[in-house]
Every structure is written in structure tokens, then in C-alpha cells.
PDB file of N, CA and C in Angstrom:
ATOM      1  N   MET A   1     -11.252  -2.493  10.080  1.00  0.00           N
ATOM      2  CA  MET A   1     -12.036  -1.351   9.674  1.00  0.00           C
ATOM      3  C   MET A   1     -11.639  -0.146  10.522  1.00  0.00           C
ATOM      4  N   ILE A   2     -11.539   0.974   9.900  1.00  0.00           N
ATOM      5  CA  ILE A   2     -11.170   2.221  10.568  1.00  0.00           C
ATOM      6  C   ILE A   2     -12.418   2.776  11.254  1.00  0.00           C
ATOM      7  N   GLN A   3     -12.292   3.074  12.551  1.00  0.00           N
ATOM      8  CA  GLN A   3     -13.451   3.536  13.300  1.00  0.00           C
ATOM      9  C   GLN A   3     -13.271   4.915  13.920  1.00  0.00           C
ATOM     10  N   THR A   4     -12.042   5.364  14.072  1.00  0.00           N
ATOM     11  CA  THR A   4     -11.813   6.655  14.710  1.00  0.00           C
ATOM     12  C   THR A   4     -10.927   7.529  13.824  1.00  0.00           C
ATOM     13  N   GLU A   5     -10.932   8.810  14.129  1.00  0.00           N
ATOM     14  CA  GLU A   5     -10.098   9.756  13.377  1.00  0.00           C
ATOM     15  C   GLU A   5      -8.615   9.424  13.557  1.00  0.00           C
ATOM     16  N   ALA A   6      -8.243   8.989  14.751  1.00  0.00           N
ATOM     17  CA  ALA A   6      -6.839   8.629  15.007  1.00  0.00           C
ATOM     18  C   ALA A   6      -6.428   7.435  14.146  1.00  0.00           C
ATOM     19  N   GLU A   7      -7.292   6.441  14.037  1.00  0.00           N
ATOM     20  CA  GLU A   7      -6.999   5.292  13.192  1.00  0.00           C
ATOM     21  C   GLU A   7      -6.908   5.714  11.723  1.00  0.00           C
ATOM     22  N   TYR A   8      -7.766   6.631  11.342  1.00  0.00           N
ATOM     23  CA  TYR A   8      -7.757   7.144   9.976  1.00  0.00           C
ATOM     24  C   TYR A   8      -6.439   7.845   9.676  1.00  0.00           C
ATOM     25  N   GLN A   9      -5.994   8.713  10.569  1.00  0.00           N
ATOM     26  CA  GLN A   9      -4.730   9.426  10.377  1.00  0.00           C
ATOM     27  C   GLN A   9      -3.557   8.449  10.288  1.00  0.00           C
ATOM     28  N   GLU A  10      -3.571   7.452  11.155  1.00  0.00           N
ATOM     29  CA  GLU A  10      -2.509   6.452  11.153  1.00  0.00           C
ATOM     30  C   GLU A  10      -2.522   5.659   9.838  1.00  0.00           C
ATOM     31  N   ALA A  11      -3.698   5.300   9.372  1.00  0.00           N
ATOM     32  CA  ALA A  11      -3.816   4.541   8.120  1.00  0.00           C
ATOM     33  C   ALA A  11      -3.334   5.372   6.934  1.00  0.00           C
ATOM     34  N   CYS A  12      -3.667   6.643   6.907  1.00  0.00           N
ATOM     35  CA  CYS A  12      -3.209   7.518   5.825  1.00  0.00           C
ATOM     36  C   CYS A  12      -1.696   7.626   5.820  1.00  0.00           C
ATOM     37  N   GLN A  13      -1.122   7.765   6.991  1.00  0.00           N
ATOM     38  CA  GLN A  13       0.334   7.858   7.094  1.00  0.00           C
ATOM     39  C   GLN A  13       0.977   6.540   6.664  1.00  0.00           C
ATOM     40  N   ARG A  14       0.417   5.431   7.113  1.00  0.00           N
ATOM     41  CA  ARG A  14       0.946   4.121   6.745  1.00  0.00           C
ATOM     42  C   ARG A  14       0.837   3.889   5.238  1.00  0.00           C
ATOM     43  N   LEU A  15      -0.266   4.325   4.655  1.00  0.00           N
ATOM     44  CA  LEU A  15      -0.468   4.176   3.214  1.00  0.00           C
ATOM     45  C   LEU A  15       0.592   4.955   2.439  1.00  0.00           C
ATOM     46  N   SER A  16       0.880   6.149   2.872  1.00  0.00           N
ATOM     47  CA  SER A  16       1.899   6.971   2.225  1.00  0.00           C
ATOM     48  C   SER A  16       3.277   6.320   2.349  1.00  0.00           C
ATOM     49  N   GLN A  17       3.605   5.844   3.526  1.00  0.00           N
ATOM     50  CA  GLN A  17       4.894   5.203   3.749  1.00  0.00           C
ATOM     51  C   GLN A  17       5.026   3.922   2.926  1.00  0.00           C
ATOM     52  N   GLU A  18       3.947   3.149   2.870  1.00  0.00           N
ATOM     53  CA  GLU A  18       3.981   1.901   2.120  1.00  0.00           C
ATOM     54  C   GLU A  18       4.147   2.153   0.626  1.00  0.00           C
ATOM     55  N   SER A  19       3.561   3.225   0.117  1.00  0.00           N
ATOM     56  CA  SER A  19       3.718   3.558  -1.301  1.00  0.00           C
ATOM     57  C   SER A  19       5.175   3.830  -1.627  1.00  0.00           C
ATOM     58  N   LEU A  20       5.840   4.595  -0.778  1.00  0.00           N
ATOM     59  CA  LEU A  20       7.264   4.879  -0.975  1.00  0.00           C
ATOM     60  C   LEU A  20       8.095   3.610  -0.870  1.00  0.00           C
ATOM     61  N   ARG A  21       7.797   2.809   0.128  1.00  0.00           N
ATOM     62  CA  ARG A  21       8.543   1.564   0.342  1.00  0.00           C
ATOM     63  C   ARG A  21       8.368   0.610  -0.837  1.00  0.00           C
ATOM     64  N   LEU A  22       7.155   0.548  -1.380  1.00  0.00           N
ATOM     65  CA  LEU A  22       6.893  -0.328  -2.515  1.00  0.00           C
ATOM     66  C   LEU A  22       7.681   0.126  -3.743  1.00  0.00           C
ATOM     67  N   ALA A  23       7.722   1.407  -3.982  1.00  0.00           N
ATOM     68  CA  ALA A  23       8.482   1.935  -5.118  1.00  0.00           C
ATOM     69  C   ALA A  23       9.972   1.629  -4.958  1.00  0.00           C
ATOM     70  N   GLU A  24      10.492   1.811  -3.750  1.00  0.00           N
ATOM     71  CA  GLU A  24      11.905   1.510  -3.498  1.00  0.00           C
ATOM     72  C   GLU A  24      12.185   0.019  -3.680  1.00  0.00           C
ATOM     73  N   HIS A  25      11.275  -0.800  -3.218  1.00  0.00           N
ATOM     74  CA  HIS A  25      11.433  -2.247  -3.330  1.00  0.00           C
ATOM     75  C   HIS A  25      11.449  -2.667  -4.802  1.00  0.00           C
ATOM     76  N   ARG A  26      10.580  -2.071  -5.586  1.00  0.00           N
ATOM     77  CA  ARG A  26      10.515  -2.374  -7.015  1.00  0.00           C
ATOM     78  C   ARG A  26      11.852  -2.014  -7.699  1.00  0.00           C
ATOM     79  N   VAL A  27      12.419  -0.858  -7.339  1.00  0.00           N
ATOM     80  CA  VAL A  27      13.702  -0.433  -7.917  1.00  0.00           C
ATOM     81  C   VAL A  27      14.802  -1.421  -7.537  1.00  0.00           C
ATOM     82  N   ARG A  28      14.820  -1.847  -6.277  1.00  0.00           N
ATOM     83  CA  ARG A  28      15.838  -2.811  -5.833  1.00  0.00           C
ATOM     84  C   ARG A  28      15.718  -4.142  -6.583  1.00  0.00           C
ATOM     85  N   LEU A  29      14.487  -4.575  -6.810  1.00  0.00           N
ATOM     86  CA  LEU A  29      14.284  -5.838  -7.523  1.00  0.00           C
ATOM     87  C   LEU A  29      14.767  -5.737  -8.967  1.00  0.00           C
ATOM     88  N   ARG A  30      14.502  -4.601  -9.605  1.00  0.00           N
ATOM     89  CA  ARG A  30      14.992  -4.395 -10.983  1.00  0.00           C
ATOM     90  C   ARG A  30      16.520  -4.389 -10.999  1.00  0.00           C
ATOM     91  N   ALA A  31      17.102  -3.705 -10.018  1.00  0.00           N
ATOM     92  CA  ALA A  31      18.568  -3.627  -9.945  1.00  0.00           C
ATOM     93  C   ALA A  31      19.180  -5.001  -9.694  1.00  0.00           C
ATOM     94  N   ALA A  32      18.439  -5.872  -9.028  1.00  0.00           N
ATOM     95  CA  ALA A  32      18.930  -7.221  -8.761  1.00  0.00           C
ATOM     96  C   ALA A  32      18.835  -8.112  -9.996  1.00  0.00           C
ATOM     97  N   GLY A  33      18.194  -7.599 -11.041  1.00  0.00           N
ATOM     98  CA  GLY A  33      18.139  -8.334 -12.295  1.00  0.00           C
ATOM     99  C   GLY A  33      16.933  -9.243 -12.456  1.00  0.00           C
ATOM    100  N   LEU A  34      15.928  -9.069 -11.633  1.00  0.00           N
ATOM    101  CA  LEU A  34      14.732  -9.896 -11.771  1.00  0.00           C
ATOM    102  C   LEU A  34      13.947  -9.511 -13.018  1.00  0.00           C
ATOM    103  N   ARG A  35      13.325 -10.514 -13.607  1.00  0.00           N
ATOM    104  CA  ARG A  35      12.475 -10.268 -14.772  1.00  0.00           C
ATOM    105  C   ARG A  35      11.167  -9.643 -14.323  1.00  0.00           C
ATOM    106  N   VAL A  36      10.433  -9.069 -15.275  1.00  0.00           N
ATOM    107  CA  VAL A  36       9.170  -8.386 -14.984  1.00  0.00           C
ATOM    108  C   VAL A  36       8.186  -9.333 -14.301  1.00  0.00           C
ATOM    109  N   ASP A  37       8.082 -10.569 -14.788  1.00  0.00           N
ATOM    110  CA  ASP A  37       7.139 -11.513 -14.186  1.00  0.00           C
ATOM    111  C   ASP A  37       7.557 -11.900 -12.767  1.00  0.00           C
ATOM    112  N   GLU A  38       8.849 -11.967 -12.504  1.00  0.00           N
ATOM    113  CA  GLU A  38       9.326 -12.272 -11.156  1.00  0.00           C
ATOM    114  C   GLU A  38       9.028 -11.113 -10.203  1.00  0.00           C
ATOM    115  N   ILE A  39       9.239  -9.905 -10.687  1.00  0.00           N
ATOM    116  CA  ILE A  39       8.947  -8.721  -9.869  1.00  0.00           C
ATOM    117  C   ILE A  39       7.464  -8.676  -9.560  1.00  0.00           C
ATOM    118  N   LYS A  40       6.637  -8.962 -10.556  1.00  0.00           N
ATOM    119  CA  LYS A  40       5.193  -8.950 -10.362  1.00  0.00           C
ATOM    120  C   LYS A  40       4.788  -9.970  -9.299  1.00  0.00           C
ATOM    121  N   ARG A  41       5.391 -11.148  -9.335  1.00  0.00           N
ATOM    122  CA  ARG A  41       5.079 -12.194  -8.361  1.00  0.00           C
ATOM    123  C   ARG A  41       5.424 -11.751  -6.932  1.00  0.00           C
ATOM    124  N   VAL A  42       6.486 -10.995  -6.786  1.00  0.00           N
ATOM    125  CA  VAL A  42       6.895 -10.506  -5.468  1.00  0.00           C
ATOM    126  C   VAL A  42       6.025  -9.323  -5.025  1.00  0.00           C
ATOM    127  N   ILE A  43       5.727  -8.439  -5.947  1.00  0.00           N
ATOM    128  CA  ILE A  43       5.032  -7.186  -5.632  1.00  0.00           C
ATOM    129  C   ILE A  43       3.522  -7.364  -5.455  1.00  0.00           C
ATOM    130  N   ASP A  44       2.920  -8.290  -6.179  1.00  0.00           N
ATOM    131  CA  ASP A  44       1.458  -8.448  -6.139  1.00  0.00           C
ATOM    132  C   ASP A  44       0.871  -8.603  -4.727  1.00  0.00           C
ATOM    133  N   PRO A  45       1.428  -9.466  -3.879  1.00  0.00           N
ATOM    134  CA  PRO A  45       0.849  -9.578  -2.527  1.00  0.00           C
ATOM    135  C   PRO A  45       0.960  -8.281  -1.724  1.00  0.00           C
ATOM    136  N   ILE A  46       2.051  -7.565  -1.906  1.00  0.00           N
ATOM    137  CA  ILE A  46       2.241  -6.297  -1.203  1.00  0.00           C
ATOM    138  C   ILE A  46       1.228  -5.275  -1.691  1.00  0.00           C
ATOM    139  N   GLU A  47       1.029  -5.217  -3.005  1.00  0.00           N
ATOM    140  CA  GLU A  47       0.053  -4.290  -3.573  1.00  0.00           C
ATOM    141  C   GLU A  47      -1.361  -4.637  -3.119  1.00  0.00           C
ATOM    142  N   SER A  48      -1.631  -5.915  -2.960  1.00  0.00           N
ATOM    143  CA  SER A  48      -2.951  -6.349  -2.506  1.00  0.00           C
ATOM    144  C   SER A  48      -3.233  -5.828  -1.092  1.00  0.00           C
ATOM    145  N   LEU A  49      -2.256  -5.942  -0.216  1.00  0.00           N
ATOM    146  CA  LEU A  49      -2.417  -5.411   1.144  1.00  0.00           C
ATOM    147  C   LEU A  49      -2.593  -3.902   1.123  1.00  0.00           C
ATOM    148  N   GLN A  50      -1.832  -3.240   0.272  1.00  0.00           N
ATOM    149  CA  GLN A  50      -1.915  -1.785   0.157  1.00  0.00           C
ATOM    150  C   GLN A  50      -3.288  -1.376  -0.378  1.00  0.00           C
ATOM    151  N   LEU A  51      -3.810  -2.113  -1.330  1.00  0.00           N
ATOM    152  CA  LEU A  51      -5.124  -1.829  -1.882  1.00  0.00           C
ATOM    153  C   LEU A  51      -6.209  -1.980  -0.817  1.00  0.00           C
ATOM    154  N   GLY A  52      -6.074  -3.010   0.021  1.00  0.00           N
ATOM    155  CA  GLY A  52      -7.026  -3.204   1.116  1.00  0.00           C
ATOM    156  C   GLY A  52      -7.023  -2.017   2.066  1.00  0.00           C
ATOM    157  N   LEU A  53      -5.862  -1.519   2.392  1.00  0.00           N
ATOM    158  CA  LEU A  53      -5.752  -0.367   3.276  1.00  0.00           C
ATOM    159  C   LEU A  53      -6.350   0.874   2.611  1.00  0.00           C
ATOM    160  N   HIS A  54      -6.087   1.023   1.323  1.00  0.00           N
ATOM    161  CA  HIS A  54      -6.645   2.155   0.584  1.00  0.00           C
ATOM    162  C   HIS A  54      -8.178   2.097   0.583  1.00  0.00           C
ATOM    163  N   GLU A  55      -8.727   0.914   0.427  1.00  0.00           N
ATOM    164  CA  GLU A  55     -10.183   0.752   0.439  1.00  0.00           C
ATOM    165  C   GLU A  55     -10.770   1.089   1.809  1.00  0.00           C
ATOM    166  N   GLU A  56     -10.060   0.714   2.874  1.00  0.00           N
ATOM    167  CA  GLU A  56     -10.519   1.059   4.225  1.00  0.00           C
ATOM    168  C   GLU A  56     -10.532   2.574   4.422  1.00  0.00           C
ATOM    169  N   VAL A  57      -9.487   3.245   3.962  1.00  0.00           N
ATOM    170  CA  VAL A  57      -9.408   4.700   4.079  1.00  0.00           C
ATOM    171  C   VAL A  57     -10.551   5.343   3.298  1.00  0.00           C
ATOM    172  N   ALA A  58     -10.780   4.864   2.085  1.00  0.00           N
ATOM    173  CA  ALA A  58     -11.847   5.419   1.257  1.00  0.00           C
ATOM    174  C   ALA A  58     -13.216   5.190   1.897  1.00  0.00           C
ATOM    175  N   ALA A  59     -13.430   4.022   2.484  1.00  0.00           N
ATOM    176  CA  ALA A  59     -14.708   3.732   3.134  1.00  0.00           C
ATOM    177  C   ALA A  59     -14.923   4.662   4.326  1.00  0.00           C
ATOM    178  N   TYR A  60     -13.881   4.894   5.102  1.00  0.00           N
ATOM    179  CA  TYR A  60     -14.007   5.800   6.244  1.00  0.00           C
ATOM    180  C   TYR A  60     -14.314   7.217   5.771  1.00  0.00           C
ATOM    181  N   GLU A  61     -13.657   7.641   4.697  1.00  0.00           N
ATOM    182  CA  GLU A  61     -13.905   8.989   4.160  1.00  0.00           C
ATOM    183  C   GLU A  61     -15.348   9.125   3.683  1.00  0.00           C
ATOM    184  N   ARG A  62     -15.880   8.076   3.063  1.00  0.00           N
ATOM    185  CA  ARG A  62     -17.287   8.128   2.628  1.00  0.00           C
ATOM    186  C   ARG A  62     -18.232   8.209   3.825  1.00  0.00           C
ATOM    187  N   LEU A  63     -17.951   7.433   4.855  1.00  0.00           N
ATOM    188  CA  LEU A  63     -18.796   7.459   6.050  1.00  0.00           C
ATOM    189  C   LEU A  63     -18.718   8.797   6.773  1.00  0.00           C
ATOM    190  N   LYS A  64     -17.552   9.386   6.741  1.00  0.00           N
ATOM    191  CA  LYS A  64     -17.345  10.669   7.410  1.00  0.00           C
ATOM    192  C   LYS A  64     -18.168  11.787   6.761  1.00  0.00           C
ATOM    193  N   ARG A  65     -18.345  11.697   5.444  1.00  0.00           N
ATOM    194  CA  ARG A  65     -19.122  12.701   4.734  1.00  0.00           C
ATOM    195  C   ARG A  65     -20.559  12.481   5.050  1.00  0.00           C
TER     196      ARG A  65
END
């Protein structure tokens, strides 16, 4: 759970970086010839972690208001 402004800033930066990394990873998997279901199997756990981080950021923003 995010408790300080510094943690919040770090989480926002990490979220942005992870979004870019996920998009690049998806492109590499397509280029490697993986099928849509195979890509989904690889990407789903990563997206789940990213969603958790996004929820933490949103919760901190709500508490801050």
C-alpha cells in the first residue's frame, strides 16, 4: 500500500514504465510468431501485477483528496 508522496511518485513512474515495457513485450511476442492465445497466457500475469499497482495508485489518490 502506498503511504507517502514519495512512494506515490515512484509508483506512478513505475506504472508508466511498465506500460511501455508491456507494449514492447507484446510486439516482440507477435514478431516471434506466437498465437493470440499464447500471447495472452504470457501477458495476463504481467497485466495483473500492473492492475494491482494501478489500483494502489488510485486508492492513494482517493485518500489524498
